[in-house]
Amino acid sequence: MSDWAKKIKDEAKGLIAEAEQELTVLEGGDTVDLTADDTEPDSDPPQDRA
């Protein structure tokens, strides 16, 4: 794959991740930052809110 096509594909993935995060916020759910580095494994499973 050429360099420009890879750059466009990577940019599109970033834009999709940002849009999904914004939609999650607008829907009132918990935010998950899809662009963040996962440096810590999840030690506590997410808990449902009542």
PDB file of N, CA and C in Angstrom:
ATOM      1  N   MET A   1       0.866  -1.176   0.000  1.00  0.00           N
ATOM      2  CA  MET A   1       0.000   0.000   0.000  1.00  0.00           C
ATOM      3  C   MET A   1       0.904   1.228   0.000  1.00  0.00           C
ATOM      4  N   SER A   2       0.552   2.189  -0.808  1.00  0.00           N
ATOM      5  CA  SER A   2       1.374   3.391  -0.884  1.00  0.00           C
ATOM      6  C   SER A   2       1.266   4.203   0.401  1.00  0.00           C
ATOM      7  N   ASP A   3       2.247   5.068   0.599  1.00  0.00           N
ATOM      8  CA  ASP A   3       2.300   5.869   1.828  1.00  0.00           C
ATOM      9  C   ASP A   3       1.073   6.759   1.988  1.00  0.00           C
ATOM     10  N   TRP A   4       0.638   7.396   0.910  1.00  0.00           N
ATOM     11  CA  TRP A   4      -0.510   8.314   1.031  1.00  0.00           C
ATOM     12  C   TRP A   4      -1.788   7.563   1.360  1.00  0.00           C
ATOM     13  N   ALA A   5      -1.942   6.355   0.806  1.00  0.00           N
ATOM     14  CA  ALA A   5      -3.142   5.571   1.106  1.00  0.00           C
ATOM     15  C   ALA A   5      -3.133   5.135   2.574  1.00  0.00           C
ATOM     16  N   LYS A   6      -1.962   4.762   3.086  1.00  0.00           N
ATOM     17  CA  LYS A   6      -1.855   4.362   4.488  1.00  0.00           C
ATOM     18  C   LYS A   6      -2.146   5.548   5.412  1.00  0.00           C
ATOM     19  N   LYS A   7      -1.648   6.732   5.060  1.00  0.00           N
ATOM     20  CA  LYS A   7      -1.911   7.933   5.863  1.00  0.00           C
ATOM     21  C   LYS A   7      -3.403   8.255   5.891  1.00  0.00           C
ATOM     22  N   ILE A   8      -4.056   8.142   4.749  1.00  0.00           N
ATOM     23  CA  ILE A   8      -5.494   8.415   4.684  1.00  0.00           C
ATOM     24  C   ILE A   8      -6.267   7.395   5.506  1.00  0.00           C
ATOM     25  N   LYS A   9      -5.886   6.125   5.399  1.00  0.00           N
ATOM     26  CA  LYS A   9      -6.556   5.066   6.160  1.00  0.00           C
ATOM     27  C   LYS A   9      -6.379   5.289   7.659  1.00  0.00           C
ATOM     28  N   ASP A  10      -5.168   5.645   8.094  1.00  0.00           N
ATOM     29  CA  ASP A  10      -4.914   5.909   9.517  1.00  0.00           C
ATOM     30  C   ASP A  10      -5.702   7.125  10.004  1.00  0.00           C
ATOM     31  N   GLU A  11      -5.777   8.157   9.178  1.00  0.00           N
ATOM     32  CA  GLU A  11      -6.543   9.355   9.541  1.00  0.00           C
ATOM     33  C   GLU A  11      -8.027   9.025   9.663  1.00  0.00           C
ATOM     34  N   ALA A  12      -8.527   8.202   8.750  1.00  0.00           N
ATOM     35  CA  ALA A  12      -9.936   7.808   8.801  1.00  0.00           C
ATOM     36  C   ALA A  12     -10.232   7.021  10.069  1.00  0.00           C
ATOM     37  N   LYS A  13      -9.340   6.125  10.451  1.00  0.00           N
ATOM     38  CA  LYS A  13      -9.533   5.356  11.686  1.00  0.00           C
ATOM     39  C   LYS A  13      -9.592   6.286  12.894  1.00  0.00           C
ATOM     40  N   GLY A  14      -8.734   7.296  12.917  1.00  0.00           N
ATOM     41  CA  GLY A  14      -8.741   8.264  14.014  1.00  0.00           C
ATOM     42  C   GLY A  14     -10.035   9.056  14.067  1.00  0.00           C
ATOM     43  N   LEU A  15     -10.518   9.472  12.910  1.00  0.00           N
ATOM     44  CA  LEU A  15     -11.769  10.231  12.855  1.00  0.00           C
ATOM     45  C   LEU A  15     -12.957   9.374  13.298  1.00  0.00           C
ATOM     46  N   ILE A  16     -12.960   8.112  12.909  1.00  0.00           N
ATOM     47  CA  ILE A  16     -14.040   7.209  13.317  1.00  0.00           C
ATOM     48  C   ILE A  16     -14.017   7.020  14.823  1.00  0.00           C
ATOM     49  N   ALA A  17     -12.828   6.847  15.398  1.00  0.00           N
ATOM     50  CA  ALA A  17     -12.716   6.667  16.845  1.00  0.00           C
ATOM     51  C   ALA A  17     -13.216   7.906  17.585  1.00  0.00           C
ATOM     52  N   GLU A  18     -12.872   9.089  17.091  1.00  0.00           N
ATOM     53  CA  GLU A  18     -13.337  10.330  17.714  1.00  0.00           C
ATOM     54  C   GLU A  18     -14.850  10.453  17.615  1.00  0.00           C
ATOM     55  N   ALA A  19     -15.409  10.130  16.470  1.00  0.00           N
ATOM     56  CA  ALA A  19     -16.858  10.224  16.285  1.00  0.00           C
ATOM     57  C   ALA A  19     -17.587   9.250  17.203  1.00  0.00           C
ATOM     58  N   GLU A  20     -17.075   8.031  17.328  1.00  0.00           N
ATOM     59  CA  GLU A  20     -17.706   7.053  18.215  1.00  0.00           C
ATOM     60  C   GLU A  20     -17.658   7.517  19.665  1.00  0.00           C
ATOM     61  N   GLN A  21     -16.549   8.144  20.052  1.00  0.00           N
ATOM     62  CA  GLN A  21     -16.427   8.650  21.415  1.00  0.00           C
ATOM     63  C   GLN A  21     -17.429   9.781  21.658  1.00  0.00           C
ATOM     64  N   GLU A  22     -17.565  10.683  20.717  1.00  0.00           N
ATOM     65  CA  GLU A  22     -18.522  11.781  20.861  1.00  0.00           C
ATOM     66  C   GLU A  22     -19.953  11.259  20.917  1.00  0.00           C
ATOM     67  N   LEU A  23     -20.271  10.258  20.113  1.00  0.00           N
ATOM     68  CA  LEU A  23     -21.614   9.682  20.150  1.00  0.00           C
ATOM     69  C   LEU A  23     -21.888   9.033  21.498  1.00  0.00           C
ATOM     70  N   THR A  24     -20.887   8.390  22.061  1.00  0.00           N
ATOM     71  CA  THR A  24     -21.046   7.768  23.373  1.00  0.00           C
ATOM     72  C   THR A  24     -21.357   8.831  24.417  1.00  0.00           C
ATOM     73  N   VAL A  25     -20.673   9.962  24.353  1.00  0.00           N
ATOM     74  CA  VAL A  25     -20.914  11.057  25.295  1.00  0.00           C
ATOM     75  C   VAL A  25     -22.325  11.604  25.112  1.00  0.00           C
ATOM     76  N   LEU A  26     -22.724  11.800  23.868  1.00  0.00           N
ATOM     77  CA  LEU A  26     -24.055  12.334  23.601  1.00  0.00           C
ATOM     78  C   LEU A  26     -25.150  11.376  24.055  1.00  0.00           C
ATOM     79  N   GLU A  27     -24.891  10.072  23.977  1.00  0.00           N
ATOM     80  CA  GLU A  27     -25.866   9.082  24.398  1.00  0.00           C
ATOM     81  C   GLU A  27     -25.913   8.928  25.913  1.00  0.00           C
ATOM     82  N   GLY A  28     -24.941   9.508  26.612  1.00  0.00           N
ATOM     83  CA  GLY A  28     -24.935   9.472  28.067  1.00  0.00           C
ATOM     84  C   GLY A  28     -24.272   8.246  28.652  1.00  0.00           C
ATOM     85  N   GLY A  29     -23.572   7.483  27.849  1.00  0.00           N
ATOM     86  CA  GLY A  29     -22.874   6.301  28.350  1.00  0.00           C
ATOM     87  C   GLY A  29     -21.504   6.666  28.881  1.00  0.00           C
ATOM     88  N   ASP A  30     -20.840   5.684  29.463  1.00  0.00           N
ATOM     89  CA  ASP A  30     -19.479   5.888  29.920  1.00  0.00           C
ATOM     90  C   ASP A  30     -18.575   6.054  28.710  1.00  0.00           C
ATOM     91  N   THR A  31     -17.609   6.940  28.823  1.00  0.00           N
ATOM     92  CA  THR A  31     -16.705   7.216  27.725  1.00  0.00           C
ATOM     93  C   THR A  31     -15.531   6.251  27.753  1.00  0.00           C
ATOM     94  N   VAL A  32     -15.222   5.709  26.603  1.00  0.00           N
ATOM     95  CA  VAL A  32     -14.042   4.867  26.442  1.00  0.00           C
ATOM     96  C   VAL A  32     -13.180   5.547  25.398  1.00  0.00           C
ATOM     97  N   ASP A  33     -11.972   5.926  25.790  1.00  0.00           N
ATOM     98  CA  ASP A  33     -11.082   6.608  24.865  1.00  0.00           C
ATOM     99  C   ASP A  33     -10.401   5.571  23.988  1.00  0.00           C
ATOM    100  N   LEU A  34     -10.860   5.448  22.752  1.00  0.00           N
ATOM    101  CA  LEU A  34     -10.333   4.448  21.841  1.00  0.00           C
ATOM    102  C   LEU A  34      -8.963   4.822  21.308  1.00  0.00           C
ATOM    103  N   THR A  35      -8.565   6.069  21.483  1.00  0.00           N
ATOM    104  CA  THR A  35      -7.273   6.507  20.976  1.00  0.00           C
ATOM    105  C   THR A  35      -6.185   6.443  22.036  1.00  0.00           C
ATOM    106  N   ALA A  36      -6.543   6.127  23.276  1.00  0.00           N
ATOM    107  CA  ALA A  36      -5.557   6.085  24.357  1.00  0.00           C
ATOM    108  C   ALA A  36      -4.764   4.788  24.303  1.00  0.00           C
ATOM    109  N   ASP A  37      -3.525   4.869  24.785  1.00  0.00           N
ATOM    110  CA  ASP A  37      -2.706   3.668  24.884  1.00  0.00           C
ATOM    111  C   ASP A  37      -3.171   2.860  26.077  1.00  0.00           C
ATOM    112  N   ASP A  38      -3.278   1.564  25.889  1.00  0.00           N
ATOM    113  CA  ASP A  38      -3.705   0.673  26.969  1.00  0.00           C
ATOM    114  C   ASP A  38      -2.465   0.218  27.721  1.00  0.00           C
ATOM    115  N   THR A  39      -2.068   0.996  28.733  1.00  0.00           N
ATOM    116  CA  THR A  39      -0.861   0.683  29.479  1.00  0.00           C
ATOM    117  C   THR A  39      -1.157  -0.128  30.724  1.00  0.00           C
ATOM    118  N   GLU A  40      -2.373  -0.049  31.234  1.00  0.00           N
ATOM    119  CA  GLU A  40      -2.743  -0.796  32.427  1.00  0.00           C
ATOM    120  C   GLU A  40      -3.863  -1.768  32.085  1.00  0.00           C
ATOM    121  N   PRO A  41      -3.672  -3.034  32.433  1.00  0.00           N
ATOM    122  CA  PRO A  41      -4.783  -3.962  32.213  1.00  0.00           C
ATOM    123  C   PRO A  41      -5.921  -3.649  33.171  1.00  0.00           C
ATOM    124  N   ASP A  42      -7.130  -3.931  32.753  1.00  0.00           N
ATOM    125  CA  ASP A  42      -8.288  -3.676  33.607  1.00  0.00           C
ATOM    126  C   ASP A  42      -8.253  -4.618  34.800  1.00  0.00           C
ATOM    127  N   SER A  43      -8.075  -4.042  35.984  1.00  0.00           N
ATOM    128  CA  SER A  43      -8.046  -4.866  37.186  1.00  0.00           C
ATOM    129  C   SER A  43      -9.444  -5.019  37.756  1.00  0.00           C
ATOM    130  N   ASP A  44     -10.282  -4.024  37.539  1.00  0.00           N
ATOM    131  CA  ASP A  44     -11.648  -4.075  38.024  1.00  0.00           C
ATOM    132  C   ASP A  44     -12.587  -4.078  36.822  1.00  0.00           C
ATOM    133  N   PRO A  45     -13.487  -5.050  36.747  1.00  0.00           N
ATOM    134  CA  PRO A  45     -14.444  -5.038  35.632  1.00  0.00           C
ATOM    135  C   PRO A  45     -15.408  -3.862  35.788  1.00  0.00           C
ATOM    136  N   PRO A  46     -15.898  -3.321  34.681  1.00  0.00           N
ATOM    137  CA  PRO A  46     -16.851  -2.212  34.788  1.00  0.00           C
ATOM    138  C   PRO A  46     -18.130  -2.645  35.511  1.00  0.00           C
ATOM    139  N   GLN A  47     -18.671  -1.715  36.280  1.00  0.00           N
ATOM    140  CA  GLN A  47     -19.876  -2.004  37.046  1.00  0.00           C
ATOM    141  C   GLN A  47     -21.052  -1.272  36.433  1.00  0.00           C
ATOM    142  N   ASP A  48     -22.192  -1.931  36.427  1.00  0.00           N
ATOM    143  CA  ASP A  48     -23.396  -1.302  35.893  1.00  0.00           C
ATOM    144  C   ASP A  48     -23.896  -0.264  36.867  1.00  0.00           C
ATOM    145  N   ARG A  49     -24.352   0.841  36.308  1.00  0.00           N
ATOM    146  CA  ARG A  49     -24.932   1.894  37.154  1.00  0.00           C
ATOM    147  C   ARG A  49     -26.410   1.620  37.334  1.00  0.00           C
ATOM    148  N   ALA A  50     -26.888   1.893  38.513  1.00  0.00           N
ATOM    149  CA  ALA A  50     -28.312   1.672  38.781  1.00  0.00           C
ATOM    150  C   ALA A  50     -29.117   2.893  38.448  1.00  0.00           C
TER     151      ALA A  50
END
